[in-house]
Structure formats: structure tokens, C-alpha cells
């Protein structure tokens, strides 16, 4: 069962304004040829989304942020949103206390940490005495390539394109078609612009792009970190770490892993307690 179906069973239905493209297959590109792997019954069971508002340079806001949509649902259910940057975490009478940069400290019965691994906030937990140590990570590369909806459909369709080229330092790469942009993902060692360009120059990648398409000089890209090993002690009395900051499925669906961990934590807190 896909994450989209699982969320729908929970009453979380992703609207077309959030899902930029439904994915129905994978295409593995190798120097020996291509292999297409269809989803069962040719259903579009995978949803391509942007976690944030979209890539830098986006001309028109046609789709909404996935994270923003979930946050709106939580607020609609009664959650109180405090738009502030956390700069200190401690204890007050055995309860976790959170202080934001521009606000006063607040005490909570249960602190759920869902901050990923690309943040300095995790360092605040190392001195709490709960035994937590952040996950081990490696640097990756993410780029957003503008093609436009028409070119995207013509050259990439509704498939995630996977690449295993024989390029030193590169382990794996993929192109994920979304609305008007294709998300380029690379995993390897010491990824730099030369390595990215070497991938883009391969015949396997070129066949997924228009013949006259060239990598722009200025485009949205970043080098985030991703997990290679889970955190040490990702839970304690009144504290639980969800998603990449805790335990996730390596090189797989991080959002799905966070959902399953969050649901297990919620069930535990309600039926077994928080300490």
C-alpha cells in the first residue's frame, strides 16, 4: 500500500494543488540499455511533490508546499503554531522546555523532534543527558531543472528515471519529474560541479532532455545531508525524535518512514504513556 493511500485512510487527502505529478513507473538507464518497471495495475501510486514553496526562480505558484499543507491541517485540528526559531532546549521540573529566539520559554509534556538533519538544532540535545547522538550523514546534491510542463511530459512522462553510470565518485542519480521542474538527485563521494556536469553529459541523461537543453548558469540547487546510519537513543522520557533526526529507511521514502514512526509514537504516548 502506497503512502498516498495510507494518508488517505487517515483522512489526509493530497489535493491536485499539492501533487505536481503522479508517478506510474521507474526507468533504469544503463550503458547496456534501459529497463522500465511499472507499478501494479499501472496506477499512479507515487506522488511527486515539493516540500517547500518550490524552486528558486519559479514564475507562477501553481502548486502548494506539501509541508505547508500538512501544517495547515494540523492547525485546523487545534495545533498552536509558534513561528519562531528555537535557540535553547532544557528541563524545567522534569518537563522539556523550549525557548525561541524572540519569545519566552514554554514547558511541554511531550517534545516531538522532527527537524531533519540539516540543522544545528540537534546540537542542543547533546547536553540534555538523554544519551541522544545525531545520525551519521553524507552530503548529497539536489538540483531543480526547468523544462516546462510540455517538455516534461514529452521527454520524461510519468516515470522516475534512475541512472547508474560508470563515473568515479558517483553511486547513483535520478531525475524526478514534477510540475514544470525535474528534480535531479545525486549520491556519491565529494560531489562537485564537475561531477554533476559529467553526469549531465552522459547519453543516458541526454535522452531524457530536449536536444537543445543546456544546464543553466544560475539555477536552484543545494547540497543537503542525508542519513547513512540512524541516531543513537532517539527517544527518552518525554522526548521522541521523528524522521531523519531519529530513524529512517536509508535511501528510501523518508516521508513514509517519518509517518510510520510518528504514528507508532502517538499510539505509544496515548496508550502507554510518555515516560
Protein backbone atom coordinates (compact mmCIF):
# COMPACT_ATOMS: atom_id res chain seq x y z
CA UNK A 1 0.00 0.00 0.00
CA UNK A 2 1.42 3.37 -1.02
CA UNK A 3 1.93 6.29 1.34
CA UNK A 4 -0.67 8.30 -0.60
CA UNK A 5 -3.29 5.60 0.08
CA UNK A 6 -2.21 5.27 3.71
CA UNK A 7 -2.56 9.01 4.29
CA UNK A 8 -5.97 8.96 2.61
CA UNK A 9 -7.08 6.24 5.04
CA UNK A 10 -6.10 8.65 7.84
CA UNK A 11 -8.25 11.38 6.28
CA UNK A 12 -5.29 13.21 4.72
CA UNK A 13 -6.16 13.56 1.03
CA UNK A 14 -3.49 15.29 -1.04
CA UNK A 15 -5.16 17.75 -3.45
CA UNK A 16 -4.04 18.37 -7.06
CA UNK A 17 -2.61 21.70 -5.89
CA UNK A 18 -0.03 19.76 -3.84
CA UNK A 19 0.66 16.70 -6.03
CA UNK A 20 2.59 18.02 -9.03
CA UNK A 21 2.71 14.72 -10.90
CA UNK A 22 1.53 11.15 -10.39
CA UNK A 23 4.30 8.58 -10.98
CA UNK A 24 3.41 5.23 -12.55
CA UNK A 25 6.81 3.69 -13.28
CA UNK A 26 10.59 3.70 -12.91
CA UNK A 27 13.02 3.66 -15.84
CA UNK A 28 16.52 2.37 -15.11
CA UNK A 29 19.09 3.74 -17.57
CA UNK A 30 22.36 1.83 -18.05
CA UNK A 31 25.02 1.75 -20.74
CA UNK A 32 23.71 -1.69 -21.73
CA UNK A 33 20.14 -0.41 -22.21
CA UNK A 34 17.02 0.70 -20.37
CA UNK A 35 14.55 -1.22 -18.23
CA UNK A 36 11.06 0.09 -17.41
CA UNK A 37 9.44 -1.06 -14.16
CA UNK A 38 5.70 -0.46 -14.00
CA UNK A 39 3.63 -0.03 -10.85
CA UNK A 40 0.97 -2.72 -10.21
CA UNK A 41 -2.12 -2.20 -12.39
CA UNK A 42 -0.41 0.88 -13.91
CA UNK A 43 -1.72 3.04 -11.08
CA UNK A 44 -0.11 6.39 -10.26
CA UNK A 45 0.59 5.35 -6.67
CA UNK A 46 3.56 7.69 -6.16
CA UNK A 47 3.05 11.44 -5.68
CA UNK A 48 5.77 13.90 -6.73
CA UNK A 49 5.69 16.99 -4.51
CA UNK A 50 7.87 19.87 -3.37
CA UNK A 51 8.39 20.01 0.39
CA UNK A 52 8.70 23.81 0.29
CA UNK A 53 7.14 26.53 -1.84
CA UNK A 54 9.05 25.47 -4.94
CA UNK A 55 12.41 26.10 -6.64
CA UNK A 56 14.14 29.46 -6.81
CA UNK A 57 13.10 31.35 -9.92
CA UNK A 58 9.63 29.83 -10.14
CA UNK A 59 7.47 32.15 -12.27
CA UNK A 60 3.99 31.15 -11.15
CA UNK A 61 2.78 29.46 -7.96
CA UNK A 62 0.70 26.64 -9.46
CA UNK A 63 1.32 24.15 -6.64
CA UNK A 64 1.41 24.35 -2.87
CA UNK A 65 4.03 23.19 -0.39
CA UNK A 66 3.49 19.63 0.86
CA UNK A 67 4.81 20.52 4.32
CA UNK A 68 2.74 23.70 4.37
CA UNK A 69 -0.41 21.75 3.55
CA UNK A 70 0.17 19.27 6.38
CA UNK A 71 0.88 22.14 8.76
CA UNK A 72 -2.42 23.78 7.82
CA UNK A 73 -4.24 20.52 8.54
CA UNK A 74 -2.58 20.30 11.97
CA UNK A 75 -3.55 23.89 12.82
CA UNK A 76 -7.08 23.14 11.66
CA UNK A 77 -7.20 20.28 14.17
CA UNK A 78 -6.26 22.60 17.02
CA UNK A 79 -2.46 22.78 16.95
CA UNK A 80 -0.98 26.12 18.03
CA UNK A 81 1.70 27.34 15.61
CA UNK A 82 4.53 29.42 17.05
CA UNK A 83 6.54 30.92 14.15
CA UNK A 84 9.86 31.23 15.94
CA UNK A 85 13.39 29.86 15.74
CA UNK A 86 14.33 27.53 18.61
CA UNK A 87 17.60 28.58 20.23
CA UNK A 88 17.59 26.68 23.53
CA UNK A 89 16.18 23.44 24.97
CA UNK A 90 16.32 22.38 28.59
CA UNK A 91 14.39 20.91 31.50
CA UNK A 92 12.03 22.53 33.97
CA UNK A 93 10.65 20.36 36.74
CA UNK A 94 11.24 17.18 34.68
CA UNK A 95 9.41 18.61 31.65
CA UNK A 96 11.15 19.61 28.39
CA UNK A 97 11.38 23.37 27.93
CA UNK A 98 11.73 25.09 24.56
CA UNK A 99 12.82 28.68 24.11
CA UNK A 100 12.54 30.57 20.84
CA UNK A 101 14.83 33.39 19.82
CA UNK A 102 12.20 36.12 20.22
CA UNK A 103 9.94 34.55 22.83
CA UNK A 104 9.75 33.25 26.36
CA UNK A 105 10.38 29.59 27.25
CA UNK A 106 7.48 27.11 27.18
CA UNK A 107 7.21 23.79 29.03
CA UNK A 108 5.67 20.74 27.35
CA UNK A 109 4.52 17.29 28.44
CA UNK A 110 5.98 15.65 25.32
CA UNK A 111 8.57 17.06 22.92
CA UNK A 112 8.47 15.61 19.38
CA UNK A 113 11.61 16.50 17.42
CA UNK A 114 11.02 16.45 13.65
CA UNK A 115 13.77 18.72 12.35
CA UNK A 116 15.69 16.55 9.88
CA UNK A 117 19.49 16.51 9.86
CA UNK A 118 20.26 19.76 8.02
CA UNK A 119 20.03 21.90 11.12
CA UNK A 120 22.07 22.99 14.09
CA UNK A 121 19.16 22.39 16.47
CA UNK A 122 20.24 18.79 17.09
CA UNK A 123 23.33 20.03 18.94
CA UNK A 124 21.02 21.46 21.62
CA UNK A 125 20.03 17.92 22.65
CA UNK A 126 23.56 16.65 23.24
CA UNK A 127 23.75 18.33 26.63
CA UNK A 128 20.36 17.18 27.94
CA UNK A 129 21.68 13.93 29.37
CA UNK A 130 19.31 11.65 27.41
CA UNK A 131 22.02 9.78 25.50
CA UNK A 132 20.99 11.10 22.10
CA UNK A 133 23.56 11.32 19.32
CA UNK A 134 22.58 12.57 15.83
CA UNK A 135 22.62 10.21 12.83
CA UNK A 136 25.70 9.82 10.69
CA UNK A 137 25.22 11.59 7.36
CA UNK A 138 26.73 12.12 3.93
CA UNK A 139 26.47 15.06 1.57
CA UNK A 140 24.22 14.75 -1.48
CA UNK A 141 23.26 17.05 -4.35
CA UNK A 142 19.79 18.28 -5.31
CA UNK A 143 19.07 20.47 -8.34
CA UNK A 144 15.84 21.76 -9.88
CA UNK A 145 15.91 21.76 -13.69
CA UNK A 146 13.28 23.82 -15.51
CA UNK A 147 11.75 22.17 -18.58
CA UNK A 148 8.15 23.36 -18.59
CA UNK A 149 5.10 21.10 -18.43
CA UNK A 150 5.01 20.28 -22.16
CA UNK A 151 8.67 19.29 -22.44
CA UNK A 152 8.47 17.41 -19.14
CA UNK A 153 5.63 15.25 -20.40
CA UNK A 154 7.25 14.65 -23.78
CA UNK A 155 10.69 13.61 -22.55
CA UNK A 156 10.17 12.25 -19.04
CA UNK A 157 6.48 11.41 -18.86
CA UNK A 158 5.26 9.97 -15.55
CA UNK A 159 8.40 7.97 -14.75
CA UNK A 160 11.21 8.43 -12.27
CA UNK A 161 14.44 7.99 -14.24
CA UNK A 162 17.31 6.21 -12.46
CA UNK A 163 20.96 6.26 -13.57
CA UNK A 164 23.91 4.00 -12.69
CA UNK A 165 26.69 5.44 -14.87
CA UNK A 166 30.31 4.36 -14.58
CA UNK A 167 31.52 7.72 -13.29
CA UNK A 168 34.08 7.82 -10.46
CA UNK A 169 32.69 9.07 -7.13
CA UNK A 170 29.07 8.75 -8.32
CA UNK A 171 26.99 5.94 -6.82
CA UNK A 172 23.51 6.77 -8.02
CA UNK A 173 21.48 9.53 -9.67
CA UNK A 174 17.86 10.12 -10.61
CA UNK A 175 15.53 12.62 -12.28
CA UNK A 176 12.07 13.05 -10.77
CA UNK A 177 9.51 14.84 -12.99
CA UNK A 178 7.26 17.25 -11.12
CA UNK A 179 5.21 20.16 -12.41
CA UNK A 180 7.48 22.32 -14.54
CA UNK A 181 10.75 21.21 -12.94
CA UNK A 182 12.65 17.94 -12.80
CA UNK A 183 14.42 17.28 -9.52
CA UNK A 184 17.98 15.99 -10.03
CA UNK A 185 19.38 13.88 -7.17
CA UNK A 186 22.95 12.59 -6.84
CA UNK A 187 24.59 10.35 -4.27
CA UNK A 188 28.30 9.68 -4.12
CA UNK A 189 31.57 10.92 -2.69
CA UNK A 190 32.83 14.53 -2.81
CA UNK A 191 30.10 15.65 -5.20
CA UNK A 192 31.11 18.84 -7.00
CA UNK A 193 30.03 20.75 -10.10
CA UNK A 194 32.43 18.78 -12.31
CA UNK A 195 30.80 15.52 -11.22
CA UNK A 196 27.32 16.94 -11.84
CA UNK A 197 28.30 18.08 -15.34
CA UNK A 198 29.87 14.69 -16.09
CA UNK A 199 26.54 13.06 -15.33
CA UNK A 200 24.58 15.59 -17.40
CA UNK A 201 26.86 14.90 -20.39
CA UNK A 202 26.12 11.16 -20.47
CA UNK A 203 23.94 9.78 -23.27
CA UNK A 204 21.60 8.20 -20.72
CA UNK A 205 20.72 11.59 -19.20
CA UNK A 206 20.72 13.47 -22.51
CA UNK A 207 17.99 11.21 -23.89
CA UNK A 208 15.70 12.35 -21.06
CA UNK A 209 16.09 16.02 -22.01
CA UNK A 210 15.37 18.13 -25.11
CA UNK A 211 18.25 18.13 -27.62
CA UNK A 212 18.90 21.87 -27.23
CA UNK A 213 18.59 21.90 -23.42
CA UNK A 214 21.63 23.08 -21.50
CA UNK A 215 22.34 23.34 -17.79
CA UNK A 216 21.71 26.99 -16.84
CA UNK A 217 24.41 29.01 -15.12
CA UNK A 218 22.10 30.01 -12.27
CA UNK A 219 19.51 27.54 -11.00
CA UNK A 220 18.12 26.25 -7.72
CA UNK A 221 20.45 23.66 -6.19
CA UNK A 222 21.80 22.63 -2.80
CA UNK A 223 23.97 20.02 -1.10
CA UNK A 224 21.91 18.70 1.83
CA UNK A 225 22.98 15.88 4.10
CA UNK A 226 21.15 12.56 4.32
CA UNK A 227 21.35 9.67 6.74
CA UNK A 228 23.78 6.80 6.42
CA UNK A 229 23.08 5.47 9.93
CA UNK A 230 20.32 6.07 12.46
CA UNK A 231 20.58 8.16 15.61
CA UNK A 232 21.71 6.74 18.95
CA UNK A 233 18.91 6.70 21.56
CA UNK A 234 16.25 8.61 19.54
CA UNK A 235 13.80 8.62 22.45
CA UNK A 236 13.77 9.31 26.17
CA UNK A 237 11.32 10.32 28.89
CA UNK A 238 9.04 12.94 27.33
CA UNK A 239 11.16 13.21 24.15
CA UNK A 240 10.95 11.37 20.81
CA UNK A 241 12.79 12.01 17.54
CA UNK A 242 10.80 11.52 14.32
CA UNK A 243 12.05 11.23 10.74
CA UNK A 244 15.66 11.77 9.69
CA UNK A 245 16.65 13.13 13.10
CA UNK A 246 15.73 9.74 14.56
CA UNK A 247 15.43 6.59 12.43
CA UNK A 248 14.58 6.39 8.74
CA UNK A 249 14.81 3.95 5.84
CA UNK A 250 18.16 4.56 4.17
CA UNK A 251 17.86 5.76 0.55
CA UNK A 252 14.11 5.17 0.61
CA UNK A 253 10.88 7.03 1.40
CA UNK A 254 11.84 9.38 4.20
CA UNK A 255 8.34 10.84 4.45
CA UNK A 256 6.81 7.37 4.73
CA UNK A 257 9.28 6.37 7.44
CA UNK A 258 8.50 9.56 9.37
CA UNK A 259 4.77 8.87 9.10
CA UNK A 260 5.08 5.32 10.42
CA UNK A 261 7.36 6.40 13.26
CA UNK A 262 5.05 9.28 14.18
CA UNK A 263 2.02 7.00 14.27
CA UNK A 264 3.82 4.47 16.46
CA UNK A 265 4.95 7.25 18.80
CA UNK A 266 1.42 8.67 19.02
CA UNK A 267 -0.08 5.27 19.83
CA UNK A 268 2.61 4.68 22.48
CA UNK A 269 2.07 8.09 24.08
CA UNK A 270 -1.70 7.65 24.31
CA UNK A 271 -1.89 4.02 25.42
CA UNK A 272 1.38 3.50 27.30
CA UNK A 273 2.46 6.95 28.44
CA UNK A 274 5.27 9.40 27.74
CA UNK A 275 7.79 8.44 30.40
